[in-house]
Amino acid sequence: MKNQLKSVVRVTLYFLSALLLVWAFLPAYRTYVCGLMLGLTVSLINAWLLAMKIESVSRNANEYMGKRVNLGTVSRMCMALIAVMIAVKLPQFNLVFTIIGLFFVQLVTLLMGIFFRSNQS
């Protein structure tokens, strides 16, 4: 799982780098790019938080601490809500592209999983 998360982070950071270049050289598209970068950043943070929670749950399941551990769904939803609120309140961010960016890491994770699965067989 750590290898897949590293690959997803790498792909997302490359995409963020490309978006930064688009932002720098194409000022007409800055609101779209800013919205997409905001969504990508929050999506990447949410993926990292989920990976840490999954590690914690699996570690606690192996040791049976007796302590209930949740996956942090509310915190990840709040992060997405904050990104949407920023996009609504500030004119520098496009709301639609922010929402698209929120789903980017999940889509990349799915595609990377399919890719890794097809390479193993």
Protein backbone atom coordinates (compact mmCIF):
# COMPACT_ATOMS: atom_id res chain seq x y z
CA MET A 1 0.00 0.00 0.00
CA LYS A 2 2.86 2.38 0.73
CA ASN A 3 4.24 1.92 -2.80
CA GLN A 4 0.87 2.70 -4.31
CA LEU A 5 0.47 5.79 -2.12
CA LYS A 6 3.95 6.98 -3.12
CA SER A 7 3.06 6.53 -6.78
CA VAL A 8 -0.21 8.41 -6.38
CA VAL A 9 1.56 11.24 -4.55
CA ARG A 10 4.20 11.39 -7.28
CA VAL A 11 1.60 11.54 -10.07
CA THR A 12 -0.38 14.20 -8.22
CA LEU A 13 2.69 16.34 -7.58
CA TYR A 14 3.69 16.12 -11.25
CA PHE A 15 0.18 17.20 -12.21
CA LEU A 16 0.32 20.07 -9.70
CA SER A 17 3.65 21.14 -11.22
CA ALA A 18 2.13 21.16 -14.68
CA LEU A 19 -0.82 23.18 -13.38
CA LEU A 20 1.57 25.68 -11.84
CA LEU A 21 3.21 26.15 -15.22
CA VAL A 22 -0.20 26.64 -16.83
CA TRP A 23 -1.04 29.17 -14.13
CA ALA A 24 2.19 31.06 -14.80
CA PHE A 25 2.03 31.14 -18.59
CA LEU A 26 -1.72 31.28 -19.31
CA PRO A 27 -3.26 34.02 -17.17
CA ALA A 28 -6.67 33.64 -18.83
CA TYR A 29 -7.10 30.22 -17.18
CA ARG A 30 -5.91 31.16 -13.69
CA THR A 31 -9.28 30.79 -11.96
CA TYR A 32 -9.74 27.30 -13.38
CA VAL A 33 -6.19 26.25 -12.53
CA CYS A 34 -6.40 27.69 -9.01
CA GLY A 35 -9.63 25.80 -8.37
CA LEU A 36 -8.11 22.58 -9.66
CA MET A 37 -4.96 23.06 -7.58
CA LEU A 38 -7.04 23.70 -4.44
CA GLY A 39 -9.07 20.55 -5.04
CA LEU A 40 -5.96 18.49 -5.78
CA THR A 41 -4.22 19.68 -2.65
CA VAL A 42 -7.17 18.86 -0.41
CA SER A 43 -7.65 15.53 -2.16
CA LEU A 44 -4.00 14.64 -1.60
CA ILE A 45 -4.22 15.60 2.08
CA ASN A 46 -7.36 13.48 2.44
CA ALA A 47 -5.67 10.48 0.80
CA TRP A 48 -2.70 10.82 3.13
CA LEU A 49 -5.00 11.08 6.18
CA LEU A 50 -6.91 8.00 5.07
CA ALA A 51 -3.68 6.03 4.57
CA MET A 52 -2.51 6.95 8.07
CA LYS A 53 -5.86 5.96 9.56
CA ILE A 54 -5.83 2.62 7.72
CA GLU A 55 -2.34 1.92 9.06
CA SER A 56 -3.54 2.76 12.56
CA VAL A 57 -6.59 0.52 12.26
CA SER A 58 -4.55 -2.40 10.92
CA ARG A 59 -1.94 -1.96 13.65
CA ASN A 60 -4.65 -1.90 16.33
CA ALA A 61 -6.36 -4.93 14.80
CA ASN A 62 -3.12 -6.91 14.99
CA GLU A 63 -2.43 -5.93 18.58
CA TYR A 64 -6.10 -5.66 19.67
CA MET A 65 -5.79 -2.60 21.81
CA GLY A 66 -9.49 -2.69 22.68
CA LYS A 67 -9.69 0.90 21.58
CA ARG A 68 -12.08 1.87 18.82
CA VAL A 69 -10.42 3.68 15.93
CA ASN A 70 -12.42 5.41 13.22
CA LEU A 71 -11.31 6.22 9.69
CA GLY A 72 -11.74 9.99 10.04
CA THR A 73 -14.61 10.35 7.59
CA VAL A 74 -15.87 13.53 9.25
CA SER A 75 -12.45 15.19 9.15
CA ARG A 76 -12.04 14.39 5.46
CA MET A 77 -15.54 15.68 4.68
CA CYS A 78 -14.75 18.87 6.59
CA MET A 79 -11.57 19.35 4.56
CA ALA A 80 -13.57 19.03 1.33
CA LEU A 81 -16.20 21.42 2.70
CA ILE A 82 -13.51 23.99 3.55
CA ALA A 83 -12.14 23.75 0.00
CA VAL A 84 -15.62 24.27 -1.44
CA MET A 85 -16.25 27.21 0.89
CA ILE A 86 -12.96 28.82 -0.19
CA ALA A 87 -13.93 28.35 -3.84
CA VAL A 88 -17.36 29.89 -3.24
CA LYS A 89 -16.12 32.88 -1.26
CA LEU A 90 -13.02 33.82 -3.25
CA PRO A 91 -13.30 34.76 -6.93
CA GLN A 92 -9.78 33.46 -7.64
CA PHE A 93 -11.05 29.86 -7.47
CA ASN A 94 -13.50 28.13 -9.79
CA LEU A 95 -16.00 25.98 -7.86
CA VAL A 96 -16.51 23.34 -10.55
CA PHE A 97 -12.78 22.77 -11.01
CA THR A 98 -12.30 22.63 -7.24
CA ILE A 99 -14.86 19.82 -7.04
CA ILE A 100 -13.20 18.05 -9.98
CA GLY A 101 -9.86 18.31 -8.18
CA LEU A 102 -11.36 16.76 -5.04
CA PHE A 103 -11.93 13.53 -6.98
CA PHE A 104 -8.56 13.45 -8.76
CA VAL A 105 -6.57 11.41 -6.22
CA GLN A 106 -9.32 8.80 -5.93
CA LEU A 107 -9.38 8.42 -9.70
CA VAL A 108 -5.58 8.15 -9.87
CA THR A 109 -5.62 5.58 -7.06
CA LEU A 110 -8.17 3.50 -8.93
CA LEU A 111 -6.23 3.66 -12.19
CA MET A 112 -2.91 2.90 -10.47
CA GLY A 113 -4.51 -0.09 -8.72
CA ILE A 114 -5.77 -1.44 -12.02
CA PHE A 115 -2.36 -0.81 -13.61
CA PHE A 116 -0.46 -2.55 -10.78
CA ARG A 117 -2.93 -5.44 -10.82
CA SER A 118 -2.56 -5.98 -14.56
CA ASN A 119 1.26 -5.91 -14.27
CA GLN A 120 1.23 -8.59 -11.56
CA SER A 121 -0.73 -11.09 -13.64
